[in-house]
C-alpha atoms as a PDB file:
ATOM      1  CA  MET A   1     133.507  89.631 -41.115  1.00  0.00           C
ATOM      2  CA  VAL A   2     136.015  91.215 -38.687  1.00  0.00           C
ATOM      3  CA  VAL A   3     133.942  94.372 -38.422  1.00  0.00           C
ATOM      4  CA  HIS A   4     130.766  92.349 -37.681  1.00  0.00           C
ATOM      5  CA  LEU A   5     132.604  90.382 -34.972  1.00  0.00           C
ATOM      6  CA  ILE A   6     133.904  93.605 -33.229  1.00  0.00           C
ATOM      7  CA  SER A   7     130.433  95.101 -33.514  1.00  0.00           C
ATOM      8  CA  ALA A   8     128.902  92.074 -31.651  1.00  0.00           C
ATOM      9  CA  ILE A   9     131.508  92.138 -28.900  1.00  0.00           C
ATOM     10  CA  PHE A  10     130.965  95.753 -28.192  1.00  0.00           C
ATOM     11  CA  ALA A  11     127.221  95.350 -28.272  1.00  0.00           C
ATOM     12  CA  ARG A  12     127.448  92.458 -25.720  1.00  0.00           C
ATOM     13  CA  THR A  13     130.011  94.459 -23.618  1.00  0.00           C
ATOM     14  CA  LEU A  14     127.699  97.399 -23.530  1.00  0.00           C
ATOM     15  CA  THR A  15     124.738  95.258 -22.484  1.00  0.00           C
ATOM     16  CA  LEU A  16     126.646  93.695 -19.577  1.00  0.00           C
ATOM     17  CA  ILE A  17     127.876  97.193 -18.342  1.00  0.00           C
ATOM     18  CA  VAL A  18     124.291  98.510 -18.415  1.00  0.00           C
ATOM     19  CA  ILE A  19     123.114  95.328 -16.409  1.00  0.00           C
ATOM     20  CA  PHE A  20     125.827  95.508 -13.789  1.00  0.00           C
ATOM     21  CA  LEU A  21     126.348  99.283 -13.657  1.00  0.00           C
ATOM     22  CA  PRO A  22     125.011  99.389  -9.903  1.00  0.00           C
ATOM     23  CA  SER A  23     127.825  96.944  -8.979  1.00  0.00           C
ATOM     24  CA  LEU A  24     130.491  98.865 -10.651  1.00  0.00           C
ATOM     25  CA  ILE A  25     129.953 101.890  -8.441  1.00  0.00           C
ATOM     26  CA  ASN A  26     132.243 101.789  -5.666  1.00  0.00           C
ATOM     27  CA  THR A  27     129.904 101.421  -2.714  1.00  0.00           C
ATOM     28  CA  SER A  28     132.780 100.076  -0.604  1.00  0.00           C
ATOM     29  CA  GLN A  29     133.804 103.745   0.094  1.00  0.00           C
ATOM     30  CA  LEU A  30     130.909 103.782   2.487  1.00  0.00           C
ATOM     31  CA  ASP A  31     132.593 101.276   4.544  1.00  0.00           C
ATOM     32  CA  TYR A  32     129.094 100.102   5.702  1.00  0.00           C
ATOM     33  CA  ASP A  33     130.074  96.671   6.894  1.00  0.00           C
ATOM     34  CA  ALA A  34     132.779  97.753   9.282  1.00  0.00           C
ATOM     35  CA  LEU A  35     132.255  96.269  12.719  1.00  0.00           C
ATOM     36  CA  VAL A  36     131.782  99.044  15.441  1.00  0.00           C
ATOM     37  CA  PHE A  37     130.973  96.710  18.276  1.00  0.00           C
ATOM     38  CA  SER A  38     129.216  93.573  19.229  1.00  0.00           C
ATOM     39  CA  GLN A  39     127.678  92.259  22.522  1.00  0.00           C
ATOM     40  CA  CYS A  40     126.927  88.461  22.853  1.00  0.00           C
ATOM     41  CA  ASP A  41     125.238  87.308  25.997  1.00  0.00           C
ATOM     42  CA  SER A  42     125.207  83.642  26.973  1.00  0.00           C
ATOM     43  CA  SER A  43     124.984  84.126  30.707  1.00  0.00           C
ATOM     44  CA  ASP A  44     121.514  82.312  30.778  1.00  0.00           C
ATOM     45  CA  THR A  45     122.805  79.034  29.919  1.00  0.00           C
ATOM     46  CA  ASN A  46     119.698  77.284  31.079  1.00  0.00           C
ATOM     47  CA  ILE A  47     117.240  79.119  29.038  1.00  0.00           C
ATOM     48  CA  LEU A  48     116.543  75.846  26.949  1.00  0.00           C
ATOM     49  CA  GLN A  49     115.841  73.691  29.917  1.00  0.00           C
ATOM     50  CA  LYS A  50     113.331  76.109  31.686  1.00  0.00           C
ATOM     51  CA  THR A  51     110.160  74.421  30.453  1.00  0.00           C
ATOM     52  CA  THR A  52     111.267  71.069  31.949  1.00  0.00           C
ATOM     53  CA  THR A  53     113.425  69.491  34.621  1.00  0.00           C
ATOM     54  CA  THR A  54     114.392  66.587  32.569  1.00  0.00           C
ATOM     55  CA  LYS A  55     118.110  65.732  32.188  1.00  0.00           C
ATOM     56  CA  ASP A  56     117.512  63.594  29.018  1.00  0.00           C
ATOM     57  CA  PRO A  57     120.365  64.671  26.655  1.00  0.00           C
ATOM     58  CA  ASN A  58     118.090  63.918  23.522  1.00  0.00           C
ATOM     59  CA  TYR A  59     115.650  66.496  24.905  1.00  0.00           C
ATOM     60  CA  SER A  60     118.305  69.037  25.353  1.00  0.00           C
ATOM     61  CA  ASN A  61     119.746  68.565  21.951  1.00  0.00           C
ATOM     62  CA  HIS A  62     116.141  68.961  20.570  1.00  0.00           C
ATOM     63  CA  ASN A  63     115.829  72.290  22.398  1.00  0.00           C
ATOM     64  CA  PHE A  64     119.119  73.435  20.956  1.00  0.00           C
ATOM     65  CA  PHE A  65     117.823  72.550  17.527  1.00  0.00           C
ATOM     66  CA  LEU A  66     114.633  74.341  18.047  1.00  0.00           C
ATOM     67  CA  ARG A  67     116.471  77.624  19.123  1.00  0.00           C
ATOM     68  CA  ALA A  68     118.767  77.326  16.231  1.00  0.00           C
ATOM     69  CA  GLN A  69     115.847  76.933  13.848  1.00  0.00           C
ATOM     70  CA  ALA A  70     114.071  79.896  15.381  1.00  0.00           C
ATOM     71  CA  LEU A  71     117.221  82.050  15.088  1.00  0.00           C
ATOM     72  CA  TYR A  72     117.724  81.090  11.463  1.00  0.00           C
ATOM     73  CA  SER A  73     114.191  81.993  10.625  1.00  0.00           C
ATOM     74  CA  PHE A  74     114.518  85.380  12.473  1.00  0.00           C
ATOM     75  CA  LEU A  75     117.746  86.281  10.614  1.00  0.00           C
ATOM     76  CA  ARG A  76     116.265  85.294   7.187  1.00  0.00           C
ATOM     77  CA  LYS A  77     113.236  87.473   7.975  1.00  0.00           C
ATOM     78  CA  LEU A  78     115.430  90.485   8.736  1.00  0.00           C
ATOM     79  CA  GLU A  79     117.623  90.021   5.540  1.00  0.00           C
ATOM     80  CA  SER A  80     114.331  89.781   3.397  1.00  0.00           C
ATOM     81  CA  GLU A  81     112.699  92.849   4.837  1.00  0.00           C
ATOM     82  CA  SER A  82     115.972  94.861   4.489  1.00  0.00           C
ATOM     83  CA  SER A  83     115.369  95.231   0.923  1.00  0.00           C
ATOM     84  CA  ARG A  84     112.044  97.262   1.679  1.00  0.00           C
ATOM     85  CA  ALA A  85     112.641  99.043   5.116  1.00  0.00           C
ATOM     86  CA  LYS A  86     115.382 100.770   7.097  1.00  0.00           C
ATOM     87  CA  PHE A  87     113.830  99.445  10.280  1.00  0.00           C
ATOM     88  CA  PHE A  88     111.911  96.326  11.078  1.00  0.00           C
ATOM     89  CA  LYS A  89     111.068  94.255  14.275  1.00  0.00           C
ATOM     90  CA  THR A  90     109.609  90.906  14.401  1.00  0.00           C
ATOM     91  CA  LEU A  91     109.107  87.659  16.328  1.00  0.00           C
ATOM     92  CA  ALA A  92     110.245  84.332  14.817  1.00  0.00           C
ATOM     93  CA  GLY A  93     109.603  80.968  16.530  1.00  0.00           C
ATOM     94  CA  ASN A  94     108.360  77.557  16.996  1.00  0.00           C
ATOM     95  CA  GLU A  95     106.278  75.552  19.516  1.00  0.00           C
ATOM     96  CA  GLU A  96     108.748  75.983  22.373  1.00  0.00           C
ATOM     97  CA  HIS A  97     111.308  78.813  21.634  1.00  0.00           C
ATOM     98  CA  ALA A  98     111.102  82.169  19.572  1.00  0.00           C
ATOM     99  CA  VAL A  99     113.629  84.892  18.796  1.00  0.00           C
ATOM    100  CA  SER A 100     112.497  88.679  19.057  1.00  0.00           C
ATOM    101  CA  GLY A 101     114.482  91.589  17.741  1.00  0.00           C
ATOM    102  CA  TRP A 102     114.925  94.127  15.120  1.00  0.00           C
ATOM    103  CA  PHE A 103     117.331  95.671  12.689  1.00  0.00           C
ATOM    104  CA  GLN A 104     117.892  99.287  11.709  1.00  0.00           C
ATOM    105  CA  CYS A 105     120.079 100.907   8.888  1.00  0.00           C
ATOM    106  CA  ARG A 106     121.487 104.356   8.709  1.00  0.00           C
ATOM    107  CA  GLU A 107     118.780 106.380   7.234  1.00  0.00           C
ATOM    108  CA  ASP A 108     121.064 108.266   4.803  1.00  0.00           C
ATOM    109  CA  TYR A 109     122.394 104.952   3.128  1.00  0.00           C
ATOM    110  CA  PRO A 110     120.634 103.631  -0.007  1.00  0.00           C
ATOM    111  CA  SER A 111     118.274 100.701   0.233  1.00  0.00           C
ATOM    112  CA  GLU A 112     120.800  98.586  -1.459  1.00  0.00           C
ATOM    113  CA  ILE A 113     123.511  99.187   0.968  1.00  0.00           C
ATOM    114  CA  CYS A 114     120.958  98.571   3.787  1.00  0.00           C
ATOM    115  CA  HIS A 115     120.191  95.121   2.321  1.00  0.00           C
ATOM    116  CA  ARG A 116     123.993  94.311   1.901  1.00  0.00           C
ATOM    117  CA  CYS A 117     124.660  95.613   5.425  1.00  0.00           C
ATOM    118  CA  VAL A 118     121.778  93.399   7.153  1.00  0.00           C
ATOM    119  CA  SER A 119     123.081  90.361   4.944  1.00  0.00           C
ATOM    120  CA  GLU A 120     126.500  90.919   6.563  1.00  0.00           C
ATOM    121  CA  LEU A 121     124.853  91.109  10.031  1.00  0.00           C
ATOM    122  CA  ARG A 122     123.423  87.675   9.429  1.00  0.00           C
ATOM    123  CA  ASP A 123     126.950  86.209   8.728  1.00  0.00           C
ATOM    124  CA  ILE A 124     128.750  88.159  11.467  1.00  0.00           C
ATOM    125  CA  SER A 125     126.151  87.247  14.193  1.00  0.00           C
ATOM    126  CA  SER A 126     126.669  83.452  13.461  1.00  0.00           C
ATOM    127  CA  ARG A 127     130.420  84.013  13.599  1.00  0.00           C
ATOM    128  CA  LEU A 128     130.810  86.136  16.645  1.00  0.00           C
ATOM    129  CA  CYS A 129     127.867  85.263  18.643  1.00  0.00           C
ATOM    130  CA  GLY A 130     127.035  81.664  17.973  1.00  0.00           C
ATOM    131  CA  ASN A 131     124.823  80.174  20.704  1.00  0.00           C
ATOM    132  CA  ALA A 132     124.377  83.420  22.470  1.00  0.00           C
ATOM    133  CA  THR A 133     120.816  83.855  24.018  1.00  0.00           C
ATOM    134  CA  SER A 134     120.877  87.582  23.201  1.00  0.00           C
ATOM    135  CA  ALA A 135     123.053  89.747  20.996  1.00  0.00           C
ATOM    136  CA  ARG A 136     123.644  93.437  19.705  1.00  0.00           C
ATOM    137  CA  ILE A 137     125.702  93.828  16.754  1.00  0.00           C
ATOM    138  CA  HIS A 138     126.444  97.254  15.341  1.00  0.00           C
ATOM    139  CA  LEU A 139     128.050  97.784  11.939  1.00  0.00           C
ATOM    140  CA  ARG A 140     128.880 101.205  10.485  1.00  0.00           C
ATOM    141  CA  GLY A 141     125.724 101.109   8.331  1.00  0.00           C
ATOM    142  CA  CYS A 142     123.252  99.026  10.196  1.00  0.00           C
ATOM    143  CA  GLN A 143     122.646  97.342  13.505  1.00  0.00           C
ATOM    144  CA  MET A 144     120.707  94.269  14.833  1.00  0.00           C
ATOM    145  CA  VAL A 145     119.352  93.328  18.296  1.00  0.00           C
ATOM    146  CA  TYR A 146     117.795  89.943  19.284  1.00  0.00           C
ATOM    147  CA  GLU A 147     116.959  87.869  22.210  1.00  0.00           C
ATOM    148  CA  ILE A 148     115.966  84.198  22.433  1.00  0.00           C
ATOM    149  CA  GLU A 149     112.710  83.828  24.353  1.00  0.00           C
ATOM    150  CA  LEU A 150     110.533  81.039  25.791  1.00  0.00           C
ATOM    151  CA  VAL A 151     107.012  80.934  24.274  1.00  0.00           C
ATOM    152  CA  ASP A 152     104.220  80.243  26.844  1.00  0.00           C
ATOM    153  CA  ALA A 153     101.614  79.665  24.259  1.00  0.00           C
ATOM    154  CA  PRO A 154     101.456  76.327  22.336  1.00  0.00           C
ATOM    155  CA  THR A 155     102.448  78.102  18.952  1.00  0.00           C
ATOM    156  CA  ALA A 156     104.620  81.209  18.590  1.00  0.00           C
ATOM    157  CA  GLN A 157     102.699  83.909  16.784  1.00  0.00           C
ATOM    158  CA  ALA A 158     105.320  84.711  14.279  1.00  0.00           C
ATOM    159  CA  ASN A 159     103.361  87.395  12.502  1.00  0.00           C
ATOM    160  CA  ASN A 160     102.404  89.248  15.589  1.00  0.00           C
ATOM    161  CA  HIS A 161     105.220  91.460  16.348  1.00  0.00           C
ATOM    162  CA  HIS A 162     103.669  94.272  18.122  1.00  0.00           C
ATOM    163  CA  ASN A 163     102.831  92.880  21.560  1.00  0.00           C
ATOM    164  CA  TYR A 164     106.149  92.208  23.065  1.00  0.00           C
ATOM    165  CA  LYS A 165     109.065  94.101  24.479  1.00  0.00           C
ATOM    166  CA  LEU A 166     112.521  93.859  23.144  1.00  0.00           C
ATOM    167  CA  LEU A 167     115.687  93.384  25.331  1.00  0.00           C
ATOM    168  CA  GLU A 168     114.773  94.998  28.623  1.00  0.00           C
ATOM    169  CA  THR A 169     117.773  97.413  29.365  1.00  0.00           C
ATOM    170  CA  PRO A 170     118.163 100.383  31.544  1.00  0.00           C
ATOM    171  CA  GLU A 171     116.623 103.419  29.833  1.00  0.00           C
ATOM    172  CA  ARG A 172     119.375 105.383  27.946  1.00  0.00           C
ATOM    173  CA  GLY A 173     122.085 103.383  29.458  1.00  0.00           C
ATOM    174  CA  LEU A 174     125.547 103.660  27.897  1.00  0.00           C
ATOM    175  CA  ILE A 175     126.073 100.644  25.599  1.00  0.00           C
ATOM    176  CA  HIS A 176     129.331 101.548  24.026  1.00  0.00           C
ATOM    177  CA  LYS A 177     131.626 104.520  23.329  1.00  0.00           C
ATOM    178  CA  ILE A 178     134.420 105.361  21.036  1.00  0.00           C
ATOM    179  CA  CYS A 179     136.701 108.447  21.953  1.00  0.00           C
ATOM    180  CA  ASP A 180     139.420 109.271  19.460  1.00  0.00           C
ATOM    181  CA  GLY A 181     142.892 109.397  21.003  1.00  0.00           C
ATOM    182  CA  ALA A 182     143.749 112.795  19.458  1.00  0.00           C
ATOM    183  CA  THR A 183     142.659 115.665  21.482  1.00  0.00           C
ATOM    184  CA  ALA A 184     141.497 119.153  20.741  1.00  0.00           C
ATOM    185  CA  GLU A 185     142.440 120.755  23.936  1.00  0.00           C
ATOM    186  CA  THR A 186     144.651 123.193  22.305  1.00  0.00           C
ATOM    187  CA  PHE A 187     142.039 124.581  19.978  1.00  0.00           C
ATOM    188  CA  ALA A 188     140.185 127.413  21.357  1.00  0.00           C
ATOM    189  CA  GLY A 189     136.363 127.275  21.564  1.00  0.00           C
ATOM    190  CA  PHE A 190     136.273 123.542  20.855  1.00  0.00           C
ATOM    191  CA  GLU A 191     134.001 122.786  23.864  1.00  0.00           C
ATOM    192  CA  GLU A 192     131.422 125.522  23.042  1.00  0.00           C
ATOM    193  CA  MET A 193     131.330 124.582  19.362  1.00  0.00           C
ATOM    194  CA  ARG A 194     130.734 120.937  20.347  1.00  0.00           C
ATOM    195  CA  THR A 195     128.102 121.797  22.813  1.00  0.00           C
ATOM    196  CA  GLU A 196     126.232 123.972  20.417  1.00  0.00           C
ATOM    197  CA  ALA A 197     126.584 121.384  17.376  1.00  0.00           C
ATOM    198  CA  LEU A 198     125.196 118.551  19.684  1.00  0.00           C
ATOM    199  CA  THR A 199     122.448 120.910  20.998  1.00  0.00           C
ATOM    200  CA  ALA A 200     121.316 121.379  17.481  1.00  0.00           C
ATOM    201  CA  ALA A 201     121.179 117.694  16.877  1.00  0.00           C
ATOM    202  CA  GLU A 202     118.838 117.241  19.866  1.00  0.00           C
ATOM    203  CA  THR A 203     116.064 119.359  17.952  1.00  0.00           C
ATOM    204  CA  GLY A 204     117.306 118.228  14.446  1.00  0.00           C
ATOM    205  CA  VAL A 205     116.724 114.707  15.046  1.00  0.00           C
ATOM    206  CA  VAL A 206     113.084 115.253  16.142  1.00  0.00           C
ATOM    207  CA  ASP A 207     112.620 117.369  12.938  1.00  0.00           C
ATOM    208  CA  GLY A 208     114.352 114.629  10.924  1.00  0.00           C
ATOM    209  CA  HIS A 209     112.150 111.902  12.171  1.00  0.00           C
ATOM    210  CA  GLY A 210     114.915 110.211  14.074  1.00  0.00           C
ATOM    211  CA  PHE A 211     117.937 111.051  11.888  1.00  0.00           C
ATOM    212  CA  TYR A 212     120.133 114.021  11.850  1.00  0.00           C
ATOM    213  CA  GLU A 213     123.427 114.553   9.969  1.00  0.00           C
ATOM    214  CA  GLU A 214     124.811 118.192   9.754  1.00  0.00           C
ATOM    215  CA  SER A 215     127.975 120.191   9.548  1.00  0.00           C
ATOM    216  CA  TYR A 216     128.068 122.940  12.294  1.00  0.00           C
ATOM    217  CA  LYS A 217     131.102 125.277  11.938  1.00  0.00           C
ATOM    218  CA  LEU A 218     134.032 122.856  12.229  1.00  0.00           C
ATOM    219  CA  LEU A 219     132.228 119.876  13.418  1.00  0.00           C
ATOM    220  CA  HIS A 220     130.233 117.253  11.459  1.00  0.00           C
ATOM    221  CA  VAL A 221     127.535 115.495  13.665  1.00  0.00           C
ATOM    222  CA  VAL A 222     125.476 112.432  13.069  1.00  0.00           C
ATOM    223  CA  ALA A 223     122.642 111.267  15.382  1.00  0.00           C
ATOM    224  CA  GLN A 224     119.938 108.556  14.937  1.00  0.00           C
ATOM    225  CA  CYS A 225     117.352 107.053  17.211  1.00  0.00           C
ATOM    226  CA  ASP A 226     116.225 103.456  17.154  1.00  0.00           C
ATOM    227  CA  GLY A 227     113.207 102.956  15.060  1.00  0.00           C
ATOM    228  CA  HIS A 228     110.927 102.099  18.011  1.00  0.00           C
ATOM    229  CA  VAL A 229     111.782 105.307  19.794  1.00  0.00           C
ATOM    230  CA  GLU A 230     109.070 107.931  19.914  1.00  0.00           C
ATOM    231  CA  ALA A 231     109.953 111.400  18.813  1.00  0.00           C
ATOM    232  CA  CYS A 232     110.117 113.308  22.180  1.00  0.00           C
ATOM    233  CA  ASP A 233     111.963 110.463  23.695  1.00  0.00           C
ATOM    234  CA  CYS A 234     114.349 110.543  20.720  1.00  0.00           C
ATOM    235  CA  GLY A 235     115.382 114.110  21.475  1.00  0.00           C
ATOM    236  CA  GLU A 236     115.757 113.388  25.129  1.00  0.00           C
ATOM    237  CA  CYS A 237     117.963 110.375  24.267  1.00  0.00           C
ATOM    238  CA  VAL A 238     120.201 112.383  22.038  1.00  0.00           C
ATOM    239  CA  SER A 239     120.414 115.166  24.781  1.00  0.00           C
ATOM    240  CA  ALA A 240     121.606 112.343  27.078  1.00  0.00           C
ATOM    241  CA  ALA A 241     124.207 111.061  24.415  1.00  0.00           C
ATOM    242  CA  ALA A 242     125.482 114.626  24.052  1.00  0.00           C
ATOM    243  CA  ALA A 243     125.942 114.962  27.876  1.00  0.00           C
ATOM    244  CA  ALA A 244     127.699 111.527  27.750  1.00  0.00           C
ATOM    245  CA  ALA A 245     130.026 112.760  24.945  1.00  0.00           C
ATOM    246  CA  ALA A 246     131.161 115.734  26.965  1.00  0.00           C
ATOM    247  CA  GLU A 247     131.731 113.509  29.953  1.00  0.00           C
ATOM    248  CA  GLU A 248     133.168 110.378  28.388  1.00  0.00           C
ATOM    249  CA  CYS A 249     135.254 112.091  25.565  1.00  0.00           C
ATOM    250  CA  PRO A 250     135.840 115.562  27.072  1.00  0.00           C
ATOM    251  CA  TRP A 251     138.742 116.596  24.737  1.00  0.00           C
ATOM    252  CA  SER A 252     138.540 113.831  21.981  1.00  0.00           C
ATOM    253  CA  ILE A 253     138.670 115.300  18.504  1.00  0.00           C
ATOM    254  CA  ALA A 254     135.969 112.644  17.499  1.00  0.00           C
ATOM    255  CA  GLY A 255     133.679 110.542  19.456  1.00  0.00           C
ATOM    256  CA  GLN A 256     130.760 108.173  19.165  1.00  0.00           C
ATOM    257  CA  ILE A 257     128.166 107.514  22.030  1.00  0.00           C
ATOM    258  CA  TYR A 258     125.890 104.592  21.726  1.00  0.00           C
ATOM    259  CA  LEU A 259     122.914 104.592  24.303  1.00  0.00           C
ATOM    260  CA  GLU A 260     119.933 102.294  24.637  1.00  0.00           C
ATOM    261  CA  GLY A 261     117.677 104.085  22.076  1.00  0.00           C
ATOM    262  CA  CYS A 262     120.084 106.226  20.065  1.00  0.00           C
ATOM    263  CA  TYR A 263     123.711 107.010  19.107  1.00  0.00           C
ATOM    264  CA  VAL A 264     125.630 110.191  18.450  1.00  0.00           C
ATOM    265  CA  GLY A 265     128.882 110.746  16.665  1.00  0.00           C
ATOM    266  CA  TYR A 266     130.916 114.002  15.995  1.00  0.00           C
ATOM    267  CA  THR A 267     134.263 114.733  14.309  1.00  0.00           C
ATOM    268  CA  TYR A 268     135.994 117.956  14.580  1.00  0.00           C
ATOM    269  CA  TYR A 269     137.893 119.430  11.537  1.00  0.00           C
ATOM    270  CA  PRO A 270     140.030 122.359  12.881  1.00  0.00           C
ATOM    271  CA  HIS A 271     141.962 122.862   9.692  1.00  0.00           C
ATOM    272  CA  GLU A 272     139.366 122.002   7.044  1.00  0.00           C
ATOM    273  CA  HIS A 273     135.715 122.155   6.057  1.00  0.00           C
ATOM    274  CA  PRO A 274     133.912 119.368   7.744  1.00  0.00           C
ATOM    275  CA  GLY A 275     132.288 116.632   5.712  1.00  0.00           C
ATOM    276  CA  GLY A 276     130.545 113.439   6.888  1.00  0.00           C
ATOM    277  CA  SER A 277     132.117 110.004   6.049  1.00  0.00           C
ATOM    278  CA  TYR A 278     129.104 109.275   3.969  1.00  0.00           C
ATOM    279  CA  HIS A 279     129.467 112.344   1.966  1.00  0.00           C
ATOM    280  CA  VAL A 280     133.033 111.630   1.362  1.00  0.00           C
ATOM    281  CA  GLY A 281     131.830 108.183   0.154  1.00  0.00           C
ATOM    282  CA  LYS A 282     129.179 109.855  -2.019  1.00  0.00           C
ATOM    283  CA  ALA A 283     131.840 112.048  -3.574  1.00  0.00           C
ATOM    284  CA  SER A 284     134.103 109.014  -4.332  1.00  0.00           C
ATOM    285  CA  THR A 285     131.064 107.129  -5.689  1.00  0.00           C
ATOM    286  CA  GLY A 286     130.309 110.113  -7.781  1.00  0.00           C
ATOM    287  CA  LYS A 287     133.606 110.039  -9.254  1.00  0.00           C
ATOM    288  CA  SER A 288     133.404 106.421  -9.958  1.00  0.00           C
ATOM    289  CA  LEU A 289     130.131 106.796 -11.472  1.00  0.00           C
ATOM    290  CA  ALA A 290     131.438 109.604 -13.750  1.00  0.00           C
ATOM    291  CA  ILE A 291     134.279 107.168 -14.962  1.00  0.00           C
ATOM    292  CA  VAL A 292     131.813 104.366 -15.534  1.00  0.00           C
ATOM    293  CA  VAL A 293     129.430 106.710 -17.461  1.00  0.00           C
ATOM    294  CA  GLY A 294     132.279 108.190 -19.573  1.00  0.00           C
ATOM    295  CA  GLY A 295     133.375 104.580 -20.239  1.00  0.00           C
ATOM    296  CA  VAL A 296     130.057 103.628 -21.366  1.00  0.00           C
ATOM    297  CA  ALA A 297     129.540 106.733 -23.589  1.00  0.00           C
ATOM    298  CA  ALA A 298     132.961 105.916 -25.159  1.00  0.00           C
ATOM    299  CA  LEU A 299     131.916 102.260 -25.853  1.00  0.00           C
ATOM    300  CA  VAL A 300     128.564 103.651 -27.392  1.00  0.00           C
ATOM    301  CA  PHE A 301     130.459 105.875 -29.713  1.00  0.00           C
ATOM    302  CA  VAL A 302     132.804 103.133 -30.788  1.00  0.00           C
ATOM    303  CA  ALA A 303     129.963 100.713 -31.244  1.00  0.00           C
ATOM    304  CA  ILE A 304     128.049 103.187 -33.426  1.00  0.00           C
ATOM    305  CA  PHE A 305     131.182 103.852 -35.542  1.00  0.00           C
ATOM    306  CA  PHE A 306     131.622 100.193 -36.235  1.00  0.00           C
ATOM    307  CA  LEU A 307     128.067  99.747 -36.900  1.00  0.00           C
ATOM    308  CA  PHE A 308     128.277 102.617 -39.313  1.00  0.00           C
ATOM    309  CA  LEU A 309     131.246 100.767 -41.143  1.00  0.00           C
ATOM    310  CA  GLU A 310     129.091  97.643 -41.183  1.00  0.00           C
ATOM    311  CA  SER A 311     126.266  99.395 -42.907  1.00  0.00           C
ATOM    312  CA  LEU A 312     128.728 100.850 -45.344  1.00  0.00           C
ATOM    313  CA  ARG A 313     130.106  97.256 -46.124  1.00  0.00           C
ATOM    314  CA  ARG A 314     126.681  95.960 -46.629  1.00  0.00           C
ATOM    315  CA  LYS A 315     125.750  98.758 -49.121  1.00  0.00           C
ATOM    316  CA  GLY A 316     129.036  97.905 -50.996  1.00  0.00           C
ATOM    317  CA  ASP A 317     128.008  94.136 -51.130  1.00  0.00           C
ATOM    318  CA  ASP A 318     124.530  95.202 -52.536  1.00  0.00           C
ATOM    319  CA  CYS A 319     126.198  97.037 -55.296  1.00  0.00           C
END
């Protein structure tokens, strides 16, 4: 009886481990939901009243409700599509207001992480940007841009998301920068090495269809263009980001430059072999996976052993 009970427990435990194995792998090592920066613009406070001159508070409240409803639909649409795509742009709306925008995940992150990241974006945008008329939120693993628009037509064409422009901003304008406080001024050849590494990224991002990650000598470089940027424009954008990195972070041991259309990040490892943050995460995840697989194998062995004992007991009962 005891042997049978133990066998049943191990069988159920094994089933649960197999079902939840993906969740047991430590994807938190990727730090995909870490906030890099956010920009929330509510300067156009009259956007909801542009279609009329009425001062009726009920009408104003109704407009705010329509805007919130459109934004909710937009965010839910992005979250849904993130399980199937790394980049998606759309227009969600109602009879008077619409929200246009897009999301993009880091190309080297798994689809599961992309979906989780975009789900985090939905919560973070509500918390940080609230009633903003436009917003840009960038997490480590994904980013989102949206803008609330007025719809001239009687009905917003929610499914037609190819005939509008998203967030008109200066071409390749600097959006955000992060320069590490530590300097590489005492390391000979740093400037030349960084220039060479970022130059390689300019061509590599075109060959990589908008994404590049590589170690060059003692530097690790990551570059990615927004999904709607064409290949040639992508290379030019990364070139502009490389120039901005040299100007904005001249001696920083690590830097991240975010332009309209692309971003570039580099890290200098003067005393060790460079490795990307995601590669470190993958190594840690691999160790976690090995531990989990080893545990499963041990459970299988123990379960087989007890099942063997159970079969012997049954044979004894038959005699």
